[in-house]
Amino acid sequence: MLLTITTTHQSASDLSWLLHKQPDKCQAFSLGFGTAYVFYPQVSDTECSACLLLDVDPVALVRGRPGALESGPLDQYVNDRPYVVSSLMSVAISRVFASALNGTCNRRPELIDREFPLVAKLEVLPCRGGEGLLDGLFAPLGYGIEATRCPLDPVFSQWGESPYFSVALSKTTTLQTLLTQLYVLIPVLDNYKHYYVGESELTKLLEKGHRWLGGHPQREIITRRYLKYQGRLARRAIECLEEGDPSFQDIANPSPTEQQLEEPPKLNQQRMGAVIAALKAAGAKHVIDLGCGEGRLLRTLLSDKSFGRIAGMDVSSRTLERAAARLKLEELPDRQRKRIELIHGSLMYRDQRLTGYDAATVVEVIEHLEAYQLIAFERVLFEFARPQTVVLTTPNGEYNGKWAHIGATGKRHRDHRFEWTRDQFNSWADTICARFGYRARVLGIGETDEALGAPTQLGIFSQDINGGAQ
């Protein structure tokens, strides 16, 4: 997978300043899916070429990713990902050429907005839509296009044509503009993205496309393909783009109004903050999140260097895939990637993988369990895994009366099997302490009502060194 950028600007070696890569040596960058190499096959005052070469490990794309083999046991070994320019190249551009992509050049700032005669060559580029789509995407942006279709097999012509092209795109423009447009349009041409697409991808599209995408005649196709045909996200992107270029920063990062500044944090934010605070107060370094869902708490733990070994367990492999995407595991540096593990498993069964952690978090999980499941879970966590600290949250059923759409006798979620009152939660906590030798502290999270308490109940369980209950 190769991208070559060439300029004949005088002096052409200015390209190396913008790319922040020395032209006299080959540099290697470790990515989650392989290694990226940057080298300069030609450097002079009249012509300079820089190459970004990806050596993709197809097994690394699926290693540790739940459900990765569902489409076939050989897919991780037999596919075109190591050879074709795909969304992996976009990731490499954002990681290896981050300064140029973001328009930063501290040593030569005058080069940022300077237009160069640039040629970008892509070997081998999938274009699932043919030359017509290739022209439709790049010609409106002012690129000259030279495309040569690669044969599917030169020996067996009867097999037909391949969807792959060798493409050279030429334009006099800034390097940032070239990289930005390649970053967005490469996955559009491939019509495939190797990672989960959510809100963060919408933000990236708006950030990278706000200067040119709004008036592009193929705007709808670009938006739909980039966002993997997620209609809700595509519609939001179109709405934002239609508001025009100057307001983009307000669209992507709206400044909080006075009213917004006065609003209290959402309950989930308060809940996560309370859990993190409890872990820090306990001095926990190695944490496992049981029922981790899509990884919201894991992302916060990973961003905090005070936590070392981190793991998340969930019974749903699809949910763990979304967690991996939210955490951007494939893009993490090796050192960060080694800190975190996602575990596919059930909380109903004793599991050796749950041992060895200072603390376990159980955030809004137990209310989804049937009575017999809760009994099994109690033994798995407090008897067998037995971390020093357990931080657990669950809804306060009494508080439901504050929300008209729920009603005093209803539940907050249709999958909740119960929502304990404060007395019920305290009674359960006392039972846990008596059975397993823990001490418990029970607190409320969220705005507290004098009669009904707080919306969320927090239990902090610590091993009782004396072996007794609180």
Protein backbone atom coordinates (compact mmCIF):
# COMPACT_ATOMS: atom_id res chain seq x y z
CA MET A 1 0.00 0.00 0.00
CA LEU A 2 1.85 3.05 -1.25
CA LEU A 3 1.22 6.80 -1.45
CA THR A 4 3.83 8.95 -3.21
CA ILE A 5 3.67 12.77 -3.10
CA THR A 6 5.88 14.65 -5.56
CA THR A 7 6.45 18.37 -6.11
CA THR A 8 8.53 20.39 -8.56
CA HIS A 9 8.18 23.54 -6.47
CA GLN A 10 11.29 25.68 -6.11
CA SER A 11 12.78 24.70 -3.69
CA ALA A 12 11.16 21.26 -3.82
CA SER A 13 12.84 20.13 -0.59
CA ASP A 14 10.41 22.43 1.26
CA LEU A 15 8.10 19.40 1.15
CA SER A 16 10.14 17.73 3.89
CA TRP A 17 9.61 20.71 6.22
CA LEU A 18 5.83 20.46 5.83
CA LEU A 19 5.82 16.69 6.34
CA HIS A 20 8.08 16.98 9.42
CA LYS A 21 10.10 14.00 8.16
CA GLN A 22 13.83 14.05 7.47
CA PRO A 23 14.67 13.27 3.84
CA ASP A 24 18.01 11.59 4.57
CA LYS A 25 16.69 8.48 6.30
CA CYS A 26 13.85 5.97 6.28
CA GLN A 27 11.58 6.28 9.31
CA ALA A 28 9.25 3.59 10.70
CA PHE A 29 6.05 4.14 12.68
CA SER A 30 4.22 1.36 14.50
CA LEU A 31 0.46 1.30 13.96
CA GLY A 32 -2.13 -1.06 15.39
CA PHE A 33 -2.43 -2.92 12.08
CA GLY A 34 1.20 -2.93 10.94
CA THR A 35 4.08 -0.55 10.25
CA ALA A 36 4.24 2.68 8.23
CA TYR A 37 7.47 3.74 6.55
CA VAL A 38 8.35 7.22 5.25
CA PHE A 39 11.23 7.66 2.83
CA TYR A 40 12.31 10.00 0.06
CA PRO A 41 13.33 8.30 -3.20
CA GLN A 42 14.26 11.67 -4.71
CA VAL A 43 15.27 14.97 -3.10
CA SER A 44 16.64 18.00 -4.95
CA ASP A 45 15.91 21.67 -5.39
CA THR A 46 13.89 20.93 -8.53
CA GLU A 47 11.98 17.77 -7.55
CA CYS A 48 11.16 16.02 -4.29
CA SER A 49 9.18 12.84 -3.69
CA ALA A 50 8.02 11.47 -0.34
CA CYS A 51 6.58 7.96 0.04
CA LEU A 52 4.26 6.60 2.71
CA LEU A 53 4.42 2.81 2.57
CA LEU A 54 2.19 0.61 4.75
CA ASP A 55 3.19 -2.92 5.63
CA VAL A 56 -0.14 -4.29 6.85
CA ASP A 57 -0.43 -7.37 9.03
CA PRO A 58 -3.88 -8.79 8.16
CA VAL A 59 -3.95 -10.87 11.34
CA ALA A 60 -3.37 -7.75 13.43
CA LEU A 61 -6.58 -6.32 11.97
CA VAL A 62 -8.62 -9.03 13.68
CA ARG A 63 -6.41 -10.12 16.58
CA GLY A 64 -8.34 -9.67 19.84
CA ARG A 65 -11.40 -8.38 18.00
CA PRO A 66 -14.56 -10.33 18.95
CA GLY A 67 -16.55 -11.60 15.99
CA ALA A 68 -13.75 -10.92 13.52
CA LEU A 69 -13.91 -14.42 12.07
CA GLU A 70 -17.66 -14.57 11.61
CA SER A 71 -17.38 -14.14 7.82
CA GLY A 72 -14.97 -17.04 7.39
CA PRO A 73 -12.01 -18.71 9.13
CA LEU A 74 -9.53 -17.76 6.36
CA ASP A 75 -10.58 -14.13 5.96
CA GLN A 76 -7.82 -12.87 8.22
CA TYR A 77 -5.23 -14.56 5.99
CA VAL A 78 -6.77 -14.18 2.52
CA ASN A 79 -7.93 -10.62 1.75
CA ASP A 80 -6.77 -7.55 -0.15
CA ARG A 81 -6.11 -5.29 2.85
CA PRO A 82 -2.28 -5.54 2.77
CA TYR A 83 -2.14 -4.52 -0.90
CA VAL A 84 -4.77 -1.87 -1.63
CA VAL A 85 -5.07 1.73 -0.57
CA SER A 86 -7.96 1.80 1.90
CA SER A 87 -9.13 3.51 5.08
CA LEU A 88 -5.94 2.14 6.64
CA MET A 89 -4.08 4.71 4.56
CA SER A 90 -6.31 7.45 5.97
CA VAL A 91 -5.38 6.35 9.48
CA ALA A 92 -1.69 6.36 8.54
CA ILE A 93 -1.97 9.88 7.07
CA SER A 94 -3.59 11.15 10.27
CA ARG A 95 -0.93 9.52 12.44
CA VAL A 96 2.28 9.88 10.44
CA PHE A 97 1.54 13.18 8.67
CA ALA A 98 -0.51 14.70 11.49
CA SER A 99 1.28 18.06 11.44
CA ALA A 100 0.85 18.53 7.70
CA LEU A 101 -2.76 17.32 7.83
CA ASN A 102 -3.58 19.83 10.58
CA GLY A 103 -1.71 22.71 8.95
CA THR A 104 1.18 22.98 11.41
CA CYS A 105 4.78 23.84 10.59
CA ASN A 106 6.48 25.61 13.47
CA ARG A 107 9.89 25.84 11.80
CA ARG A 108 8.62 27.20 8.46
CA PRO A 109 5.10 28.58 9.09
CA GLU A 110 5.15 30.56 5.82
CA LEU A 111 4.91 27.24 3.92
CA ILE A 112 1.55 26.23 5.38
CA ASP A 113 -0.61 28.30 3.03
CA ARG A 114 1.75 28.17 0.07
CA GLU A 115 0.42 26.35 -3.00
CA PHE A 116 2.71 23.77 -4.59
CA PRO A 117 2.45 21.82 -7.84
CA LEU A 118 1.71 18.41 -6.32
CA VAL A 119 1.22 14.93 -7.72
CA ALA A 120 -0.17 12.17 -5.49
CA LYS A 121 0.23 8.62 -6.79
CA LEU A 122 -1.79 5.82 -5.22
CA GLU A 123 -0.89 2.19 -5.77
CA VAL A 124 -3.28 0.21 -5.81
CA LEU A 125 -6.52 2.15 -5.31
CA PRO A 126 -9.89 0.37 -5.17
CA CYS A 127 -12.59 2.30 -7.00
CA ARG A 128 -15.88 0.50 -6.53
CA GLY A 129 -17.77 2.58 -9.04
CA GLY A 130 -15.21 2.71 -11.84
CA GLU A 131 -13.48 5.61 -13.53
CA GLY A 132 -16.70 7.59 -13.57
CA LEU A 133 -16.75 7.75 -9.78
CA LEU A 134 -13.04 8.59 -9.69
CA ASP A 135 -13.60 11.53 -12.04
CA GLY A 136 -16.75 12.56 -10.20
CA LEU A 137 -14.90 12.83 -6.90
CA PHE A 138 -11.64 14.53 -7.92
CA ALA A 139 -12.38 16.51 -11.10
CA PRO A 140 -14.72 19.00 -9.35
CA LEU A 141 -11.86 19.73 -6.95
CA GLY A 142 -9.59 20.72 -9.83
CA TYR A 143 -7.40 17.62 -10.04
CA GLY A 144 -5.88 16.26 -13.19
CA ILE A 145 -6.48 12.51 -13.16
CA GLU A 146 -4.47 9.71 -14.75
CA ALA A 147 -5.94 6.30 -14.00
CA THR A 148 -4.82 2.90 -15.24
CA ARG A 149 -6.98 -0.08 -14.40
CA CYS A 150 -5.07 -3.00 -12.95
CA PRO A 151 -5.86 -6.38 -14.55
CA LEU A 152 -7.59 -8.89 -12.34
CA ASP A 153 -5.22 -11.51 -13.71
CA PRO A 154 -3.06 -10.87 -16.80
CA VAL A 155 -3.10 -14.57 -17.67
CA PHE A 156 -6.86 -15.14 -17.44
CA SER A 157 -8.40 -12.21 -19.28
CA GLN A 158 -11.78 -13.94 -19.25
CA TRP A 159 -12.02 -13.23 -15.53
CA GLY A 160 -12.80 -9.63 -16.40
CA GLU A 161 -11.61 -6.33 -15.04
CA SER A 162 -10.58 -5.61 -11.47
CA PRO A 163 -11.90 -2.71 -9.38
CA TYR A 164 -8.32 -1.53 -8.76
CA PHE A 165 -6.54 1.41 -10.38
CA SER A 166 -3.12 2.98 -10.40
CA VAL A 167 -3.97 6.66 -9.98
CA ALA A 168 -2.00 9.90 -10.26
CA LEU A 169 -3.73 13.09 -9.06
CA SER A 170 -2.15 16.43 -9.94
CA LYS A 171 -3.05 19.87 -8.67
CA THR A 172 -1.43 23.10 -7.56
CA THR A 173 -2.62 23.46 -4.00
CA THR A 174 -1.46 23.43 -0.39
CA LEU A 175 -0.19 20.18 1.06
CA GLN A 176 -2.81 20.35 3.80
CA THR A 177 -5.60 20.54 1.23
CA LEU A 178 -4.23 17.54 -0.68
CA LEU A 179 -3.89 15.39 2.45
CA THR A 180 -7.29 16.44 3.75
CA GLN A 181 -9.06 15.48 0.54
CA LEU A 182 -7.20 12.18 0.29
CA TYR A 183 -8.05 11.44 3.93
CA VAL A 184 -11.78 11.74 3.20
CA LEU A 185 -12.00 10.37 -0.34
CA ILE A 186 -9.82 7.25 -0.10
CA PRO A 187 -12.37 5.39 2.10
CA VAL A 188 -15.15 6.71 -0.15
CA LEU A 189 -13.54 5.12 -3.20
CA ASP A 190 -12.98 1.83 -1.40
CA ASN A 191 -16.52 2.01 0.06
CA TYR A 192 -15.24 0.16 3.09
CA LYS A 193 -13.98 1.18 6.52
CA HIS A 194 -12.15 -1.23 8.76
CA TYR A 195 -13.43 0.30 11.99
CA TYR A 196 -16.70 1.23 13.65
CA VAL A 197 -18.27 4.47 12.43
CA GLY A 198 -20.00 6.68 14.99
CA GLU A 199 -20.21 10.27 16.15
CA SER A 200 -16.44 10.72 16.07
CA GLU A 201 -16.36 9.96 12.34
CA LEU A 202 -19.04 12.58 11.72
CA THR A 203 -16.85 15.13 13.50
CA LYS A 204 -13.81 14.11 11.44
CA LEU A 205 -15.77 14.45 8.19
CA LEU A 206 -16.94 17.95 9.10
CA GLU A 207 -13.49 18.95 10.30
CA LYS A 208 -11.72 17.74 7.17
CA GLY A 209 -14.42 18.61 4.64
CA HIS A 210 -15.86 21.92 5.75
CA ARG A 211 -13.85 24.00 3.27
CA TRP A 212 -14.66 22.00 0.14
CA LEU A 213 -17.29 19.32 0.70
CA GLY A 214 -20.32 21.60 1.09
CA GLY A 215 -20.30 22.66 -2.57
CA HIS A 216 -19.13 19.35 -4.03
CA PRO A 217 -21.60 17.93 -6.60
CA GLN A 218 -21.06 14.41 -5.18
CA ARG A 219 -21.56 15.56 -1.59
CA GLU A 220 -24.32 13.05 -0.83
CA ILE A 221 -22.36 10.08 -2.19
CA ILE A 222 -19.22 11.13 -0.32
CA THR A 223 -21.11 11.60 2.94
CA ARG A 224 -23.04 8.34 2.73
CA ARG A 225 -20.01 6.24 1.85
CA TYR A 226 -17.71 7.87 4.38
CA LEU A 227 -20.25 7.26 7.14
CA LYS A 228 -20.99 3.68 6.00
CA TYR A 229 -24.56 4.49 4.94
CA GLN A 230 -25.68 5.48 8.43
CA GLY A 231 -28.61 7.67 7.44
CA ARG A 232 -28.87 9.60 10.70
CA LEU A 233 -25.22 10.63 10.65
CA ALA A 234 -25.28 11.41 6.92
CA ARG A 235 -28.30 13.69 7.30
CA ARG A 236 -26.64 15.56 10.16
CA ALA A 237 -23.49 15.99 8.10
CA ILE A 238 -25.44 17.43 5.15
CA GLU A 239 -27.30 19.83 7.45
CA CYS A 240 -24.04 21.09 8.94
CA LEU A 241 -22.36 21.47 5.54
CA GLU A 242 -25.32 23.42 4.15
CA GLU A 243 -24.81 26.08 6.81
CA GLY A 244 -21.60 27.18 5.05
CA ASP A 245 -17.88 27.26 5.64
CA PRO A 246 -17.44 30.21 8.03
CA SER A 247 -19.61 28.67 10.72
CA PHE A 248 -17.93 25.28 10.73
CA GLN A 249 -16.05 25.76 13.97
CA ASP A 250 -19.29 26.69 15.67
CA ILE A 251 -20.95 23.59 14.19
CA ALA A 252 -18.26 21.10 15.20
CA ASN A 253 -17.34 22.71 18.53
CA PRO A 254 -20.15 25.02 19.55
CA SER A 255 -19.24 27.54 22.21
CA PRO A 256 -21.32 26.94 25.31
CA THR A 257 -24.00 29.52 25.89
CA GLU A 258 -24.50 31.05 29.30
CA GLN A 259 -27.42 28.70 29.87
CA GLN A 260 -25.31 25.67 28.90
CA LEU A 261 -22.55 26.72 31.27
CA GLU A 262 -25.03 26.82 34.12
CA GLU A 263 -26.48 23.38 33.38
CA PRO A 264 -25.24 20.64 35.74
CA PRO A 265 -23.35 17.68 34.26
CA LYS A 266 -25.53 14.87 32.99
CA LEU A 267 -26.22 12.02 35.37
CA ASN A 268 -24.00 9.62 33.43
CA GLN A 269 -21.10 12.10 33.62
CA GLN A 270 -21.61 12.42 37.37
CA ARG A 271 -21.78 8.64 37.67
CA MET A 272 -18.52 8.12 35.79
CA GLY A 273 -16.85 10.86 37.80
CA ALA A 274 -17.93 9.29 41.08
CA VAL A 275 -16.63 5.87 40.02
CA ILE A 276 -13.25 7.29 39.00
CA ALA A 277 -13.03 9.24 42.26
CA ALA A 278 -13.77 6.08 44.27
CA LEU A 279 -11.07 4.15 42.40
CA LYS A 280 -8.50 6.88 43.01
CA ALA A 281 -9.44 7.12 46.68
CA ALA A 282 -8.86 3.37 46.99
CA GLY A 283 -5.46 3.68 45.31
CA ALA A 284 -6.45 1.22 42.56
CA LYS A 285 -3.97 0.80 39.72
CA HIS A 286 -5.27 -2.28 37.92
CA VAL A 287 -9.00 -2.16 37.14
CA ILE A 288 -11.49 -4.45 35.41
CA ASP A 289 -14.88 -3.12 34.31
CA LEU A 290 -17.51 -5.88 34.42
CA GLY A 291 -20.34 -5.43 31.94
CA CYS A 292 -18.21 -2.79 30.21
CA GLY A 293 -20.68 -2.22 27.33
CA GLU A 294 -19.31 0.08 24.63
CA GLY A 295 -16.35 1.19 26.73
CA ARG A 296 -17.33 4.60 28.08
CA LEU A 297 -15.67 4.02 31.44
CA LEU A 298 -12.74 2.20 29.83
CA ARG A 299 -12.00 5.23 27.67
CA THR A 300 -11.77 7.43 30.76
CA LEU A 301 -9.54 4.91 32.55
CA LEU A 302 -7.27 4.61 29.52
CA SER A 303 -6.81 8.38 29.31
CA ASP A 304 -5.68 8.53 32.95
CA LYS A 305 -2.04 7.49 33.36
CA SER A 306 -2.54 6.71 37.05
CA PHE A 307 -4.28 3.48 36.00
CA GLY A 308 -2.00 0.74 34.70
CA ARG A 309 -3.58 -2.55 33.64
CA ILE A 310 -7.17 -2.12 32.42
CA ALA A 311 -9.71 -4.70 31.24
CA GLY A 312 -13.34 -4.78 30.24
CA MET A 313 -15.62 -7.83 30.15
CA ASP A 314 -18.96 -8.15 28.40
CA VAL A 315 -21.17 -11.04 27.30
CA SER A 316 -21.91 -9.46 23.89
CA SER A 317 -19.22 -9.80 21.22
CA ARG A 318 -20.91 -7.12 19.08
CA THR A 319 -20.83 -4.71 22.01
CA LEU A 320 -17.13 -5.42 22.49
CA GLU A 321 -16.54 -4.62 18.82
CA ARG A 322 -18.13 -1.24 19.37
CA ALA A 323 -16.01 -0.77 22.50
CA ALA A 324 -12.87 -1.52 20.49
CA ALA A 325 -13.95 1.09 17.94
CA ARG A 326 -14.77 3.68 20.62
CA LEU A 327 -11.35 3.12 22.18
CA LYS A 328 -9.69 3.17 18.72
CA LEU A 329 -7.62 0.15 19.71
CA GLU A 330 -6.26 -0.31 16.20
CA GLU A 331 -4.81 3.20 16.25
CA LEU A 332 -3.27 3.12 19.74
CA PRO A 333 0.51 3.09 20.14
CA ASP A 334 1.82 -0.30 21.26
CA ARG A 335 2.53 0.93 24.77
CA GLN A 336 -1.05 2.11 25.23
CA ARG A 337 -2.51 -0.96 23.52
CA LYS A 338 -0.74 -3.26 25.97
CA ARG A 339 -2.47 -1.55 28.91
CA ILE A 340 -5.96 -2.63 27.93
CA GLU A 341 -7.72 -5.92 27.24
CA LEU A 342 -11.28 -6.70 26.17
CA ILE A 343 -12.65 -10.01 27.44
CA HIS A 344 -15.63 -11.87 26.01
CA GLY A 345 -17.27 -13.76 28.85
CA SER A 346 -20.19 -14.17 31.20
CA LEU A 347 -20.42 -12.80 34.71
CA MET A 348 -22.32 -15.94 35.74
CA TYR A 349 -19.29 -18.24 35.72
CA ARG A 350 -16.07 -18.40 37.63
CA ASP A 351 -13.31 -17.08 35.38
CA GLN A 352 -9.60 -17.00 36.13
CA ARG A 353 -9.23 -13.95 33.85
CA LEU A 354 -11.09 -11.85 36.45
CA THR A 355 -8.43 -12.31 39.12
CA GLY A 356 -5.38 -10.18 39.81
CA TYR A 357 -7.04 -6.74 39.68
CA ASP A 358 -6.95 -4.16 42.48
CA ALA A 359 -10.51 -3.10 41.76
CA ALA A 360 -13.59 -4.08 39.79
CA THR A 361 -16.27 -1.69 38.59
CA VAL A 362 -19.88 -2.72 37.99
CA VAL A 363 -21.70 0.28 36.54
CA GLU A 364 -25.46 -0.06 35.99
CA VAL A 365 -25.26 -3.83 35.51
CA ILE A 366 -26.84 -5.78 38.36
CA GLU A 367 -30.35 -4.45 37.70
CA HIS A 368 -30.29 -6.38 34.40
CA LEU A 369 -29.84 -9.72 36.20
CA GLU A 370 -32.51 -12.21 37.20
CA ALA A 371 -32.49 -13.26 40.87
CA TYR A 372 -30.68 -16.54 40.19
CA GLN A 373 -28.14 -14.75 38.01
CA LEU A 374 -27.48 -12.19 40.74
CA ILE A 375 -26.68 -14.96 43.21
CA ALA A 376 -24.17 -16.51 40.79
CA PHE A 377 -22.65 -13.10 40.04
CA GLU A 378 -22.15 -12.37 43.74
CA ARG A 379 -19.97 -15.49 44.13
CA VAL A 380 -18.05 -14.87 40.88
CA LEU A 381 -17.12 -11.35 41.97
CA PHE A 382 -16.88 -11.31 45.75
CA GLU A 383 -15.82 -14.91 46.45
CA PHE A 384 -13.69 -15.99 43.48
CA ALA A 385 -12.35 -12.86 41.73
CA ARG A 386 -12.21 -11.07 45.06
CA PRO A 387 -10.62 -7.71 44.19
CA GLN A 388 -9.54 -5.42 47.00
CA THR A 389 -12.20 -2.87 45.98
CA VAL A 390 -15.54 -3.13 44.16
CA VAL A 391 -17.25 0.04 42.93
CA LEU A 392 -20.86 -0.65 41.98
CA THR A 393 -23.76 1.55 40.88
CA THR A 394 -27.45 0.84 40.41
CA PRO A 395 -30.60 2.98 40.04
CA ASN A 396 -32.55 4.21 43.07
CA GLY A 397 -36.11 3.08 42.33
CA GLU A 398 -37.59 5.65 44.71
CA TYR A 399 -36.29 8.51 42.57
CA ASN A 400 -38.32 7.37 39.55
CA GLY A 401 -41.25 9.36 40.88
CA LYS A 402 -39.36 12.53 39.94
CA TRP A 403 -39.63 11.68 36.23
CA ALA A 404 -43.11 11.96 34.82
CA HIS A 405 -42.40 9.74 31.82
CA ILE A 406 -41.49 6.85 34.15
CA GLY A 407 -43.99 7.06 36.97
CA ALA A 408 -43.51 6.01 40.57
CA THR A 409 -43.98 2.27 39.90
CA GLY A 410 -42.21 2.02 36.52
CA LYS A 411 -38.60 1.20 35.62
CA ARG A 412 -36.07 3.28 33.74
CA HIS A 413 -35.26 0.56 31.21
CA ARG A 414 -37.38 -2.24 29.85
CA ASP A 415 -34.54 -4.74 30.48
CA HIS A 416 -34.25 -3.90 34.18
CA ARG A 417 -35.35 -6.80 36.35
CA PHE A 418 -35.46 -4.66 39.48
CA GLU A 419 -34.66 -1.17 40.72
CA TRP A 420 -33.94 -1.24 44.43
CA THR A 421 -35.00 1.31 46.99
CA ARG A 422 -32.31 2.72 49.24
CA ASP A 423 -33.26 0.32 52.04
CA GLN A 424 -33.12 -2.64 49.68
CA PHE A 425 -29.70 -1.67 48.39
CA ASN A 426 -28.33 -1.13 51.88
CA SER A 427 -29.73 -4.51 52.96
CA TRP A 428 -28.10 -6.22 49.97
CA ALA A 429 -24.78 -4.51 50.69
CA ASP A 430 -24.89 -5.65 54.32
CA THR A 431 -25.53 -9.22 53.18
CA ILE A 432 -22.56 -9.11 50.80
CA CYS A 433 -20.31 -7.84 53.56
CA ALA A 434 -21.42 -10.52 55.97
CA ARG A 435 -21.00 -13.36 53.46
CA PHE A 436 -17.71 -12.40 51.87
CA GLY A 437 -15.79 -10.29 54.39
CA TYR A 438 -16.11 -6.81 52.90
CA ARG A 439 -16.94 -3.40 54.31
CA ALA A 440 -19.37 -1.19 52.39
CA ARG A 441 -19.95 2.52 52.04
CA VAL A 442 -23.15 3.59 50.27
CA LEU A 443 -23.53 7.03 48.67
CA GLY A 444 -25.86 8.81 46.27
CA ILE A 445 -24.98 10.24 42.85
CA GLY A 446 -26.86 13.10 41.22
CA GLU A 447 -29.24 15.78 42.45
CA THR A 448 -30.62 14.66 45.81
CA ASP A 449 -34.26 14.95 46.80
CA GLU A 450 -34.89 15.19 50.54
CA ALA A 451 -37.59 12.53 50.44
CA LEU A 452 -36.50 10.32 47.54
CA GLY A 453 -32.71 10.47 47.70
CA ALA A 454 -30.37 10.59 44.68
CA PRO A 455 -31.13 9.01 41.30
CA THR A 456 -28.15 6.62 41.42
CA GLN A 457 -26.87 4.52 44.31
CA LEU A 458 -23.14 3.95 44.68
CA GLY A 459 -21.69 1.12 46.72
CA ILE A 460 -17.94 1.03 47.50
CA PHE A 461 -16.94 -2.38 48.84
CA SER A 462 -13.50 -2.87 50.41
CA GLN A 463 -12.02 -6.07 51.75
CA ASP A 464 -12.27 -6.17 55.53
CA ILE A 465 -8.80 -6.98 56.79
CA ASN A 466 -10.38 -8.11 60.05
CA GLY A 467 -12.66 -10.51 58.17
CA GLY A 468 -15.82 -8.97 59.54
CA ALA A 469 -18.72 -6.97 58.15
CA GLN A 470 -19.34 -3.31 58.61
